[in-house]
Protein backbone atom coordinates (compact mmCIF):
# COMPACT_ATOMS: atom_id res chain seq x y z
CA MET A 1 50.70 -127.74 21.90
CA GLN A 2 49.89 -125.76 25.06
CA LYS A 3 53.56 -125.25 26.00
CA ASN A 4 54.21 -123.63 22.60
CA MET A 5 51.10 -121.41 22.69
CA GLY A 6 52.16 -117.90 21.75
CA LYS A 7 55.74 -118.87 20.93
CA MET A 8 54.99 -120.25 17.50
CA GLY A 9 53.31 -118.34 14.70
CA MET A 10 50.33 -119.60 12.75
CA GLY A 11 52.55 -120.28 9.71
CA GLN A 12 54.87 -122.50 11.73
CA LEU A 13 51.94 -124.38 13.20
CA MET A 14 50.43 -124.93 9.76
CA ASP A 15 53.76 -126.22 8.41
CA ILE A 16 53.97 -128.72 11.27
CA LEU A 17 50.38 -129.89 10.86
CA ILE A 18 50.67 -130.23 7.07
CA SER A 19 53.93 -132.18 7.44
CA THR A 20 52.05 -134.85 9.40
CA GLY A 21 50.19 -135.82 6.23
CA ILE A 22 46.79 -135.09 7.74
CA ASP A 23 44.46 -133.72 5.07
CA LYS A 24 43.63 -130.01 5.15
CA PRO A 25 39.90 -130.38 6.01
CA ARG A 26 40.85 -132.32 9.17
CA ILE A 27 43.45 -129.70 10.10
CA LYS A 28 40.84 -126.97 9.65
CA PHE A 29 38.39 -128.94 11.80
CA PHE A 30 41.08 -129.33 14.50
CA LEU A 31 41.95 -125.62 14.51
CA GLU A 32 38.29 -124.59 14.70
CA ALA A 33 37.44 -127.07 17.46
CA ASP A 34 36.45 -125.77 20.90
CA ALA A 35 36.62 -129.03 22.81
CA GLN A 36 37.39 -127.46 26.19
CA GLY A 37 35.03 -124.49 25.92
CA LYS A 38 37.94 -122.00 25.95
CA GLY A 39 37.57 -120.88 22.34
CA SER A 40 38.90 -122.59 19.26
CA ILE A 41 42.57 -123.49 19.08
CA MET A 42 43.00 -120.87 16.35
CA ASP A 43 41.31 -118.22 18.51
CA GLN A 44 43.49 -119.16 21.51
CA ILE A 45 46.65 -118.87 19.43
CA THR A 46 45.55 -115.57 17.87
CA ALA A 47 44.70 -114.08 21.29
CA THR A 48 48.03 -115.16 22.77
CA LEU A 49 50.03 -113.82 19.81
CA THR A 50 48.09 -110.53 19.92
CA ASN A 51 48.74 -110.14 23.65
CA ASN A 52 52.45 -110.93 23.17
CA LEU A 53 52.69 -108.34 20.38
CA ALA A 54 50.86 -105.69 22.42
CA GLU A 55 53.12 -106.32 25.40
CA GLY A 56 56.20 -106.20 23.17
CA ILE A 57 55.32 -102.75 21.84
CA GLY A 58 54.32 -101.43 25.24
CA VAL A 59 50.54 -101.35 24.89
CA LYS A 60 48.94 -101.79 28.29
CA GLY A 61 45.36 -102.74 28.91
CA LYS A 62 43.02 -105.67 28.97
CA ASP A 63 44.37 -108.84 27.41
CA MET A 64 42.53 -110.18 24.38
CA THR A 65 40.70 -113.44 25.03
CA PRO A 66 39.82 -116.19 22.56
CA ASP A 67 36.21 -114.97 22.84
CA ASP A 68 37.33 -111.46 21.82
CA VAL A 69 39.05 -112.95 18.76
CA LYS A 70 35.89 -114.85 17.85
CA LYS A 71 33.81 -111.67 18.13
CA LEU A 72 36.28 -109.78 15.91
CA ARG A 73 36.29 -112.57 13.34
CA ASN A 74 32.49 -112.75 13.24
CA ASN A 75 31.87 -108.99 13.18
CA PRO A 76 35.07 -107.00 12.55
CA THR A 77 33.39 -103.64 11.95
CA GLN A 78 31.70 -103.46 15.35
CA ALA A 79 34.65 -104.68 17.42
CA ALA A 80 37.40 -102.56 15.90
CA SER A 81 38.74 -99.74 18.04
CA THR A 82 39.24 -96.26 16.70
CA LYS A 83 41.02 -95.08 19.84
CA PRO A 84 44.56 -93.91 19.02
CA ILE A 85 47.47 -95.61 20.72
CA GLU A 86 48.81 -93.41 23.50
CA SER A 87 52.56 -92.96 23.82
């Protein structure tokens, strides 16, 4: 899983997990787990994909962390930036 972090989209990951036959509540539990204290697996993937996208379009700045993703998910109106992207 770790070696594919940021290389595989959430849709691909879900397809792989569903194809194992594991029921959806267990998959959800797995994706929301924070066993290592680094943020949930879903938050880690989202942060990595966001950073890859930002880098790909030339946005420089602080990388998004799994904790940043969690804060956005829990309170999107306070964490959203209104700063325009500079060219």
